[in-house]
């Protein structure tokens, strides 16, 4: 039976890196990729149930941890492996309680990521990440939710490390308009830099 693995991440560079890691670990595996939750669901409805689903926690369409529980019910035999830059212990606990088989931090090395995936696929429950030490204000979620839809889109892309030009291209707006949105969202979030805004975004749902 073919080993089928879905890599679900909207960041192309990380997705490509994960695919390379999996190709090295499991050269016989059938690897598929998805950039949003709709694509994941479309893939799971065709063919055999995947052996593993490697899913980014900050992922288009994945709006709450409860959706991980939905995936668990739909894919009872699939190893659901959540990967993320977020290292909030309470959130990780929610993810695991929702039915994930493991949690892997994106900040650990590719070798450690590979080892963790192998262990989870072999039936171990693994939570492995490198704490960032970043402290998030309790009202971060409320502040982000008050941004306009466009500002939230810009913030999401900032958190992915995209430049103003890349954001402008993806949203099909001018770089000047992006600068205006960035300035206004920094003011609304009461933060001094793009990096600080990305931290607030990473800590909210």
Protein backbone atom coordinates (compact mmCIF):
# COMPACT_ATOMS: atom_id res chain seq x y z
CA UNK A 1 0.00 0.00 0.00
CA UNK A 2 1.31 3.45 -0.95
CA UNK A 3 2.45 5.71 1.87
CA UNK A 4 0.52 8.96 1.27
CA UNK A 5 1.49 12.20 3.02
CA UNK A 6 -0.11 15.65 2.64
CA UNK A 7 2.00 18.71 3.45
CA UNK A 8 -0.32 21.65 4.18
CA UNK A 9 1.44 25.00 4.53
CA UNK A 10 0.84 28.33 2.80
CA UNK A 11 4.51 29.34 2.95
CA UNK A 12 6.15 27.97 -0.24
CA UNK A 13 9.71 27.92 1.13
CA UNK A 14 8.79 25.94 4.23
CA UNK A 15 6.57 23.61 2.20
CA UNK A 16 9.41 22.89 -0.23
CA UNK A 17 11.81 22.30 2.65
CA UNK A 18 9.39 19.88 4.30
CA UNK A 19 8.89 18.01 1.02
CA UNK A 20 12.67 17.62 0.64
CA UNK A 21 12.94 16.32 4.22
CA UNK A 22 10.18 13.79 3.59
CA UNK A 23 11.68 12.68 0.26
CA UNK A 24 14.93 11.95 2.08
CA UNK A 25 13.20 10.10 4.94
CA UNK A 26 10.55 8.27 2.91
CA UNK A 27 11.65 8.05 -0.74
CA UNK A 28 8.77 5.68 -1.57
CA UNK A 29 6.07 8.02 -0.21
CA UNK A 30 3.44 9.72 -2.35
CA UNK A 31 3.78 13.39 -1.34
CA UNK A 32 1.00 15.90 -1.97
CA UNK A 33 0.81 19.57 -1.00
CA UNK A 34 -1.88 22.09 -0.19
CA UNK A 35 -1.87 25.85 0.38
CA UNK A 36 -5.20 26.20 2.20
CA UNK A 37 -7.75 24.14 4.10
CA UNK A 38 -10.07 23.78 1.10
CA UNK A 39 -7.24 22.11 -0.83
CA UNK A 40 -6.56 19.78 2.11
CA UNK A 41 -10.20 18.71 2.24
CA UNK A 42 -10.28 18.16 -1.53
CA UNK A 43 -7.22 15.89 -1.30
CA UNK A 44 -8.62 13.90 1.63
CA UNK A 45 -11.79 13.16 -0.33
CA UNK A 46 -9.90 11.40 -3.10
CA UNK A 47 -8.01 8.14 -2.93
CA UNK A 48 -7.00 6.32 0.23
CA UNK A 49 -6.93 8.04 3.60
CA UNK A 50 -3.50 9.69 4.01
CA UNK A 51 -0.97 8.13 6.37
CA UNK A 52 0.03 11.58 7.61
CA UNK A 53 -1.18 15.17 7.40
CA UNK A 54 1.48 17.75 8.21
CA UNK A 55 -0.45 20.93 8.91
CA UNK A 56 0.67 24.49 9.64
CA UNK A 57 -1.21 25.99 12.58
CA UNK A 58 -1.42 29.43 10.93
CA UNK A 59 -3.08 28.26 7.75
CA UNK A 60 -5.72 29.83 5.46
CA UNK A 61 -9.09 28.36 6.37
CA UNK A 62 -7.92 26.96 9.71
CA UNK A 63 -9.69 29.58 11.80
CA UNK A 64 -9.85 27.73 15.13
CA UNK A 65 -8.42 24.74 16.94
CA UNK A 66 -11.84 23.07 16.73
CA UNK A 67 -11.21 22.48 13.02
CA UNK A 68 -8.34 20.18 13.98
CA UNK A 69 -10.90 18.13 15.93
CA UNK A 70 -13.04 18.03 12.78
CA UNK A 71 -10.08 16.73 10.77
CA UNK A 72 -9.44 14.12 13.47
CA UNK A 73 -13.00 12.81 13.09
CA UNK A 74 -12.76 12.81 9.28
CA UNK A 75 -9.34 11.12 9.25
CA UNK A 76 -9.33 8.60 12.11
CA UNK A 77 -6.34 6.62 10.81
CA UNK A 78 -4.21 9.60 9.73
CA UNK A 79 -1.31 10.91 11.81
CA UNK A 80 -2.09 14.63 12.20
CA UNK A 81 1.16 16.50 12.76
CA UNK A 82 0.87 20.22 13.49
CA UNK A 83 3.84 22.49 12.73
CA UNK A 84 4.12 26.12 13.77
CA UNK A 85 6.31 29.04 14.80
CA UNK A 86 3.93 29.54 17.74
CA UNK A 87 5.21 28.14 21.03
CA UNK A 88 2.42 29.13 23.42
CA UNK A 89 2.05 26.16 25.78
CA UNK A 90 -1.68 26.68 26.36
CA UNK A 91 -2.34 26.72 22.61
CA UNK A 92 -0.17 23.64 22.08
CA UNK A 93 -2.21 21.91 24.79
CA UNK A 94 -5.43 22.81 22.96
CA UNK A 95 -4.02 21.47 19.68
CA UNK A 96 -3.09 18.16 21.27
CA UNK A 97 -6.43 17.91 23.09
CA UNK A 98 -8.19 18.45 19.74
CA UNK A 99 -6.67 15.23 18.47
CA UNK A 100 -3.29 16.07 16.93
CA UNK A 101 -0.74 13.27 17.19
CA UNK A 102 2.17 15.64 17.52
CA UNK A 103 3.33 19.26 17.55
CA UNK A 104 6.61 20.36 15.95
CA UNK A 105 8.08 23.86 16.14
CA UNK A 106 9.34 25.30 12.87
CA UNK A 107 12.33 26.77 14.68
CA UNK A 108 14.04 23.42 15.31
CA UNK A 109 16.51 21.97 12.81
CA UNK A 110 15.42 19.98 9.73
CA UNK A 111 17.09 16.89 11.22
CA UNK A 112 15.05 17.23 14.43
CA UNK A 113 11.87 17.83 12.42
CA UNK A 114 12.55 14.65 10.46
CA UNK A 115 13.18 12.63 13.63
CA UNK A 116 10.00 13.96 15.23
CA UNK A 117 7.91 13.07 12.16
CA UNK A 118 9.32 9.55 12.12
CA UNK A 119 8.56 9.10 15.83
CA UNK A 120 4.96 10.35 15.42
CA UNK A 121 4.40 8.08 12.42
CA UNK A 122 5.61 5.16 14.54
CA UNK A 123 2.95 5.90 17.15
CA UNK A 124 4.70 8.16 19.64
CA UNK A 125 3.06 11.33 20.92
CA UNK A 126 5.63 14.08 20.32
CA UNK A 127 5.68 17.76 21.27
CA UNK A 128 8.99 19.28 20.21
CA UNK A 129 9.82 22.97 19.79
CA UNK A 130 12.41 25.57 20.74
CA UNK A 131 10.83 28.19 23.05
CA UNK A 132 11.28 31.72 21.71
CA UNK A 133 10.90 33.40 25.09
CA UNK A 134 8.55 35.97 23.58
CA UNK A 135 5.84 37.22 25.92
CA UNK A 136 2.53 38.21 24.38
CA UNK A 137 0.12 40.75 25.91
CA UNK A 138 -3.22 39.28 26.97
CA UNK A 139 -5.12 41.70 24.75
CA UNK A 140 -3.19 40.88 21.56
CA UNK A 141 -6.12 38.97 20.08
CA UNK A 142 -8.54 41.82 20.71
CA UNK A 143 -6.19 44.32 19.06
CA UNK A 144 -5.71 42.16 15.96
CA UNK A 145 -9.45 41.54 15.66
CA UNK A 146 -10.05 45.30 15.53
CA UNK A 147 -7.96 45.69 12.38
CA UNK A 148 -9.76 46.00 9.06
CA UNK A 149 -9.92 42.92 6.84
CA UNK A 150 -7.26 44.38 4.55
CA UNK A 151 -4.99 45.25 7.48
CA UNK A 152 -5.31 41.68 8.76
CA UNK A 153 -4.37 40.36 5.30
CA UNK A 154 -1.30 42.62 5.27
CA UNK A 155 -0.40 41.55 8.81
CA UNK A 156 -0.66 37.87 7.88
CA UNK A 157 1.77 38.40 5.01
CA UNK A 158 4.13 40.41 7.22
CA UNK A 159 4.14 37.46 9.62
CA UNK A 160 5.20 35.25 6.68
CA UNK A 161 8.23 37.49 6.18
CA UNK A 162 7.06 39.07 2.93
CA UNK A 163 8.31 42.48 1.80
CA UNK A 164 6.03 45.37 0.85
CA UNK A 165 6.58 44.62 -2.83
CA UNK A 166 5.66 40.95 -2.34
CA UNK A 167 2.57 41.93 -0.33
CA UNK A 168 1.53 44.40 -3.03
CA UNK A 169 1.90 41.72 -5.70
CA UNK A 170 -0.09 39.13 -3.75
CA UNK A 171 -2.92 41.50 -2.82
CA UNK A 172 -2.82 43.26 -6.22
CA UNK A 173 -2.44 46.71 -4.69
CA UNK A 174 0.34 49.31 -4.97
CA UNK A 175 3.41 49.26 -2.67
CA UNK A 176 2.41 52.78 -1.57
CA UNK A 177 -0.96 51.46 -0.39
CA UNK A 178 0.81 48.64 1.45
CA UNK A 179 2.99 51.20 3.27
CA UNK A 180 -0.15 53.03 4.39
CA UNK A 181 -1.70 49.80 5.69
CA UNK A 182 1.52 48.82 7.49
CA UNK A 183 1.78 52.23 9.17
CA UNK A 184 -1.85 52.16 10.29
CA UNK A 185 -1.75 48.61 11.64
CA UNK A 186 1.47 49.30 13.58
CA UNK A 187 -0.30 52.27 15.16
CA UNK A 188 -3.43 50.20 15.91
CA UNK A 189 -1.40 47.39 17.49
CA UNK A 190 0.77 49.88 19.44
CA UNK A 191 4.00 48.25 18.25
CA UNK A 192 7.18 49.87 16.88
CA UNK A 193 8.10 47.41 14.13
CA UNK A 194 6.91 44.81 11.64
CA UNK A 195 8.61 42.08 13.71
CA UNK A 196 6.67 43.07 16.82
CA UNK A 197 3.43 43.07 14.81
CA UNK A 198 4.23 39.57 13.53
CA UNK A 199 4.69 38.36 17.12
CA UNK A 200 1.24 39.64 18.07
CA UNK A 201 -0.25 37.96 15.00
CA UNK A 202 1.46 34.66 15.82
CA UNK A 203 0.01 34.63 19.31
CA UNK A 204 -3.63 35.22 18.37
CA UNK A 205 -6.51 33.20 16.96
